[in-house]
Amino acid sequence: MEELEDQTERVQEHVMHAAQHGGERLTLYVALTAAILAAFAAVSNLMSGHHSNEAILEQIKASDELAHYQAKAIKAAVVSAKKEVIVAMGKAPTDATNDKLDKYQADQEEISNHAKELETSSEHHLSHHLVFARAVTMFQVAIAIAAISALSRRRPFWFVSLGFGAVGVFFLATGFF
């Protein structure tokens, strides 16, 4: 991703240089458009990275909760086996043993629900990451086509660039909702 950003920056610098020395209005408009698109691309990239990181963190937390769930399941299995041994010996299990088993099972239910919430949150962040990543892609394509417009001095390429930029703005706006 960083390599693409470096290429985009080089193209933008070339367009700015052409705008400063070319003197044509089209080149100035294209350079201004490329600068605005680059700003949108930077915001989109920042948001994409944020949501990607959050998705990973939430998934790690969910995995931790599932490990905790397994630990409670093992403890419950040990207490259950103890209870079975006590019953097999013809004795009644104590209330403390029954309470402990009930507590472990209740804890498992709570932990399971929390893990599912974290997984849902991770999926939500991942879907936002993808939308912002699409916005970054559209802005980078728009900047590249704007550079072609500036270099070839052809207005239709600029309009195509604006179209890709509009799609990028759509994805950027969609990512926030």
Protein backbone atom coordinates (compact mmCIF):
# COMPACT_ATOMS: atom_id res chain seq x y z
CA MET A 1 0.00 0.00 0.00
CA GLU A 2 2.87 2.35 0.82
CA GLU A 3 4.39 1.79 -2.63
CA LEU A 4 1.14 2.91 -4.27
CA GLU A 5 1.10 6.03 -2.10
CA ASP A 6 4.67 6.85 -3.18
CA GLN A 7 3.71 6.46 -6.85
CA THR A 8 0.63 8.62 -6.34
CA GLU A 9 2.74 11.31 -4.68
CA ARG A 10 5.24 11.27 -7.58
CA VAL A 11 2.45 11.62 -10.14
CA GLN A 12 0.89 14.45 -8.16
CA GLU A 13 4.27 16.26 -7.91
CA HIS A 14 4.69 15.94 -11.68
CA VAL A 15 1.21 17.36 -12.29
CA MET A 16 1.92 20.26 -9.90
CA HIS A 17 5.21 20.94 -11.66
CA ALA A 18 3.46 20.94 -15.04
CA ALA A 19 0.78 23.27 -13.67
CA GLN A 20 3.35 25.74 -12.38
CA HIS A 21 5.38 25.83 -15.55
CA GLY A 22 2.76 25.07 -18.20
CA GLY A 23 0.51 28.03 -17.60
CA GLU A 24 -2.54 26.40 -19.15
CA ARG A 25 -5.84 26.64 -17.33
CA LEU A 26 -6.63 22.95 -17.86
CA THR A 27 -3.38 21.93 -16.22
CA LEU A 28 -4.12 24.18 -13.25
CA TYR A 29 -7.59 22.66 -12.87
CA VAL A 30 -6.20 19.16 -13.17
CA ALA A 31 -3.53 19.90 -10.57
CA LEU A 32 -6.12 21.32 -8.18
CA THR A 33 -8.33 18.28 -8.76
CA ALA A 34 -5.41 15.92 -8.12
CA ALA A 35 -4.57 17.72 -4.88
CA ILE A 36 -8.17 17.47 -3.65
CA LEU A 37 -8.35 13.82 -4.67
CA ALA A 38 -5.09 13.14 -2.83
CA ALA A 39 -6.54 14.70 0.33
CA PHE A 40 -9.64 12.49 0.03
CA ALA A 41 -7.40 9.48 -0.60
CA ALA A 42 -5.42 10.25 2.55
CA VAL A 43 -8.58 10.46 4.68
CA SER A 44 -9.92 7.25 3.13
CA ASN A 45 -6.62 5.48 3.73
CA LEU A 46 -6.56 6.61 7.35
CA MET A 47 -10.11 5.37 7.94
CA SER A 48 -9.44 2.10 6.12
CA GLY A 49 -6.41 1.43 8.30
CA HIS A 50 -8.31 2.35 11.46
CA HIS A 51 -11.14 -0.06 10.71
CA SER A 52 -8.71 -2.78 9.69
CA ASN A 53 -6.85 -2.44 12.99
CA GLU A 54 -10.08 -2.41 14.97
CA ALA A 55 -11.30 -5.54 13.17
CA ILE A 56 -8.08 -7.34 14.07
CA LEU A 57 -8.19 -6.20 17.71
CA GLU A 58 -11.83 -7.23 18.11
CA GLN A 59 -11.08 -10.65 16.61
CA ILE A 60 -8.14 -11.13 18.98
CA LYS A 61 -10.37 -10.23 21.93
CA ALA A 62 -13.01 -12.69 20.69
CA SER A 63 -10.35 -15.40 20.48
CA ASP A 64 -9.26 -14.60 24.02
CA GLU A 65 -12.85 -14.90 25.20
CA LEU A 66 -13.23 -18.25 23.46
CA ALA A 67 -10.07 -19.49 25.22
CA HIS A 68 -11.58 -18.29 28.50
CA TYR A 69 -14.77 -20.17 27.57
CA GLN A 70 -12.74 -23.34 27.04
CA ALA A 71 -11.05 -22.91 30.42
CA LYS A 72 -14.45 -22.63 32.09
CA ALA A 73 -15.61 -25.71 30.16
CA ILE A 74 -12.63 -27.69 31.47
CA LYS A 75 -13.31 -26.56 35.02
CA ALA A 76 -16.98 -27.50 34.62
CA ALA A 77 -15.98 -30.93 33.28
CA VAL A 78 -13.69 -31.51 36.30
CA VAL A 79 -16.44 -30.53 38.75
CA SER A 80 -18.95 -32.67 36.84
CA ALA A 81 -16.60 -35.67 36.98
CA LYS A 82 -16.11 -35.07 40.70
CA LYS A 83 -19.88 -34.97 41.12
CA GLU A 84 -20.26 -38.26 39.22
CA VAL A 85 -17.62 -39.93 41.38
CA ILE A 86 -19.38 -38.74 44.53
CA VAL A 87 -22.72 -40.05 43.24
CA ALA A 88 -21.09 -43.37 42.21
CA MET A 89 -19.80 -43.76 45.76
CA GLY A 90 -23.39 -43.51 46.93
CA LYS A 91 -23.08 -40.06 48.46
CA ALA A 92 -24.93 -36.88 47.65
CA PRO A 93 -22.91 -34.04 46.12
CA THR A 94 -22.61 -30.96 48.28
CA ASP A 95 -24.43 -27.74 47.49
CA ALA A 96 -21.03 -26.11 46.95
CA THR A 97 -20.24 -28.61 44.17
CA ASN A 98 -23.62 -28.03 42.52
CA ASP A 99 -23.29 -24.26 42.88
CA LYS A 100 -19.79 -24.34 41.40
CA LEU A 101 -21.00 -26.34 38.40
CA ASP A 102 -23.93 -23.98 37.86
CA LYS A 103 -21.61 -20.95 38.11
CA TYR A 104 -19.18 -22.36 35.54
CA GLN A 105 -22.04 -23.04 33.12
CA ALA A 106 -23.49 -19.55 33.64
CA ASP A 107 -20.03 -18.04 33.11
CA GLN A 108 -19.69 -20.00 29.88
CA GLU A 109 -22.95 -18.57 28.57
CA GLU A 110 -21.88 -15.01 29.43
CA ILE A 111 -18.42 -15.47 27.90
CA SER A 112 -19.91 -17.00 24.76
CA ASN A 113 -22.27 -14.05 24.30
CA HIS A 114 -19.44 -11.57 24.76
CA ALA A 115 -17.26 -13.43 22.23
CA LYS A 116 -20.10 -13.35 19.69
CA GLU A 117 -20.51 -9.59 20.22
CA LEU A 118 -16.79 -9.08 19.63
CA GLU A 119 -16.90 -11.19 16.45
CA THR A 120 -19.87 -9.17 15.17
CA SER A 121 -18.01 -5.94 15.93
CA SER A 122 -14.94 -7.27 14.09
CA GLU A 123 -17.04 -8.09 11.03
CA HIS A 124 -18.59 -4.62 11.16
CA HIS A 125 -15.16 -2.96 11.21
CA LEU A 126 -13.96 -5.20 8.39
CA SER A 127 -16.89 -4.21 6.18
CA HIS A 128 -16.13 -0.51 6.79
CA HIS A 129 -12.45 -1.16 6.04
CA LEU A 130 -13.38 -2.63 2.65
CA VAL A 131 -15.56 0.35 1.74
CA PHE A 132 -12.79 2.82 2.64
CA ALA A 133 -10.23 0.70 0.76
CA ARG A 134 -12.44 0.92 -2.34
CA ALA A 135 -12.51 4.70 -1.91
CA VAL A 136 -8.70 4.80 -1.75
CA THR A 137 -8.51 2.76 -4.95
CA MET A 138 -10.95 5.03 -6.80
CA PHE A 139 -9.04 8.14 -5.70
CA GLN A 140 -5.72 6.68 -6.80
CA VAL A 141 -7.15 5.75 -10.20
CA ALA A 142 -8.64 9.25 -10.47
CA ILE A 143 -5.26 10.85 -9.68
CA ALA A 144 -3.52 8.67 -12.27
CA ILE A 145 -6.05 9.60 -14.95
CA ALA A 146 -5.75 13.27 -13.96
CA ALA A 147 -2.01 12.97 -14.54
CA ILE A 148 -2.68 11.53 -18.00
CA SER A 149 -4.96 14.49 -18.66
CA ALA A 150 -2.29 16.97 -17.61
CA LEU A 151 0.43 15.26 -19.62
CA SER A 152 -1.64 14.80 -22.75
CA ARG A 153 -3.50 18.09 -22.31
CA ARG A 154 -6.79 16.35 -23.07
CA ARG A 155 -9.87 17.51 -21.24
CA PRO A 156 -11.86 14.20 -21.63
CA PHE A 157 -9.33 12.41 -19.41
CA TRP A 158 -9.93 15.04 -16.75
CA PHE A 159 -13.68 14.34 -16.89
CA VAL A 160 -13.01 10.62 -16.54
CA SER A 161 -10.79 11.45 -13.57
CA LEU A 162 -13.61 13.47 -12.03
CA GLY A 163 -15.92 10.48 -12.53
CA PHE A 164 -13.59 8.13 -10.68
CA GLY A 165 -13.19 10.80 -8.01
CA ALA A 166 -16.97 11.01 -7.62
CA VAL A 167 -17.14 7.23 -7.16
CA GLY A 168 -14.39 7.55 -4.54
CA VAL A 169 -16.38 10.27 -2.74
CA PHE A 170 -19.41 7.96 -2.81
CA PHE A 171 -17.41 5.15 -1.17
CA LEU A 172 -15.89 7.58 1.34
CA ALA A 173 -19.31 8.89 2.34
CA THR A 174 -20.74 5.35 2.45
CA GLY A 175 -17.93 4.27 4.78
CA PHE A 176 -19.01 6.78 7.38
CA PHE A 177 -22.58 5.40 7.47
